[in-house]
C-alpha cells in the first residue's frame, strides 16, 4: 500500500499506462493476424491492404515505445515475405 502522495499518483498513472499499452499491443496483434489470414486466403488485394494497416500499427507502437523497432521491422519483413510467396 503506497504511503506517500507521489506513490499513490504513480500507481494511478501506471494503471492508465498499462491499460493503454495493453490496448495498443492487442490491436497490433489483431491487425497482424488479419494480415496473415488474408495472405493465406490468397487474395492479393486484400492482403496488401491488411499488410499496410499492420505496418502502420507497428510503426505507431514503436513510436510510443511499446515494442522495439527491430521487432517491428522483423514482423513487417516476415509479413512481406509471406505475401511475396503467394502466387
Protein backbone atom coordinates (compact mmCIF):
# COMPACT_ATOMS: atom_id res chain seq x y z
CA UNK A 1 0.00 0.00 0.00
CA UNK A 2 1.54 3.33 -1.01
CA UNK A 3 2.18 5.74 1.83
CA UNK A 4 3.12 8.97 0.06
CA UNK A 5 1.08 11.11 -2.30
CA UNK A 6 3.61 10.60 -5.08
CA UNK A 7 3.43 6.81 -4.70
CA UNK A 8 -0.37 6.95 -4.89
CA UNK A 9 -0.15 9.03 -8.06
CA UNK A 10 2.45 6.66 -9.56
CA UNK A 11 0.04 3.75 -9.05
CA UNK A 12 -2.74 5.70 -10.73
CA UNK A 13 -0.58 6.73 -13.71
CA UNK A 14 0.93 3.25 -14.08
CA UNK A 15 -2.54 1.73 -14.21
CA UNK A 16 -3.57 4.10 -17.03
CA UNK A 17 -0.38 3.40 -18.98
CA UNK A 18 -0.73 -0.36 -18.52
CA UNK A 19 -4.28 -0.28 -19.90
CA UNK A 20 -3.21 1.89 -22.86
CA UNK A 21 -0.23 -0.35 -23.64
CA UNK A 22 -2.40 -3.45 -23.47
CA UNK A 23 -4.92 -1.93 -25.90
CA UNK A 24 -2.21 -0.95 -28.38
CA UNK A 25 -0.48 -4.33 -28.11
CA UNK A 26 -3.75 -6.14 -28.63
CA UNK A 27 -4.56 -4.02 -31.69
CA UNK A 28 -1.13 -4.75 -33.18
CA UNK A 29 -1.59 -8.49 -32.70
CA UNK A 30 -5.07 -8.35 -34.23
CA UNK A 31 -4.02 -6.50 -37.39
CA UNK A 32 -1.01 -8.79 -37.86
CA UNK A 33 -3.28 -11.82 -37.50
CA UNK A 34 -5.73 -10.33 -40.02
CA UNK A 35 -2.88 -9.73 -42.47
CA UNK A 36 -1.70 -13.33 -42.16
CA UNK A 37 -5.24 -14.65 -42.66
CA UNK A 38 -5.73 -12.56 -45.78
CA UNK A 39 -2.36 -13.75 -47.13
CA UNK A 40 -3.38 -17.36 -46.52
CA UNK A 41 -6.66 -16.76 -48.35
CA UNK A 42 -4.58 -15.97 -51.49
CA UNK A 43 -6.37 -12.64 -52.03
CA UNK A 44 -3.54 -10.28 -53.05
CA UNK A 45 -5.53 -7.03 -53.00
CA UNK A 46 -6.98 -7.62 -49.55
CA UNK A 47 -3.65 -8.95 -48.28
CA UNK A 48 -1.64 -5.89 -49.31
CA UNK A 49 -4.29 -3.62 -47.76
CA UNK A 50 -4.09 -5.52 -44.46
CA UNK A 51 -0.29 -5.53 -44.57
CA UNK A 52 -0.23 -1.75 -44.95
CA UNK A 53 -2.54 -1.40 -41.94
CA UNK A 54 -0.33 -3.75 -39.91
CA UNK A 55 2.80 -1.82 -40.86
CA UNK A 56 1.17 1.42 -39.76
CA UNK A 57 0.11 -0.03 -36.40
CA UNK A 58 3.58 -1.49 -35.84
CA UNK A 59 5.23 1.86 -36.57
CA UNK A 60 2.87 3.63 -34.17
CA UNK A 61 3.64 1.07 -31.45
CA UNK A 62 7.36 1.73 -31.96
CA UNK A 63 6.81 5.49 -31.75
CA UNK A 64 5.01 5.04 -28.43
CA UNK A 65 7.80 2.82 -27.09
CA UNK A 66 5.64 -0.26 -26.80
CA UNK A 67 7.84 -2.52 -28.95
CA UNK A 68 11.42 -2.30 -30.16
CA UNK A 69 11.99 -1.00 -33.69
CA UNK A 70 13.89 -4.15 -34.69
CA UNK A 71 10.96 -6.32 -33.63
CA UNK A 72 8.61 -4.21 -35.73
CA UNK A 73 10.99 -4.41 -38.70
CA UNK A 74 11.17 -8.19 -38.31
CA UNK A 75 7.39 -8.54 -38.21
CA UNK A 76 6.96 -6.31 -41.29
CA UNK A 77 9.64 -8.25 -43.14
CA UNK A 78 8.02 -11.59 -42.35
CA UNK A 79 4.61 -10.34 -43.47
CA UNK A 80 6.03 -9.18 -46.82
CA UNK A 81 7.94 -12.45 -47.21
CA UNK A 82 4.70 -14.40 -46.77
CA UNK A 83 2.91 -12.05 -49.16
CA UNK A 84 5.58 -12.48 -51.83
CA UNK A 85 5.34 -16.27 -51.54
CA UNK A 86 1.70 -16.35 -52.73
CA UNK A 87 1.04 -16.60 -56.45
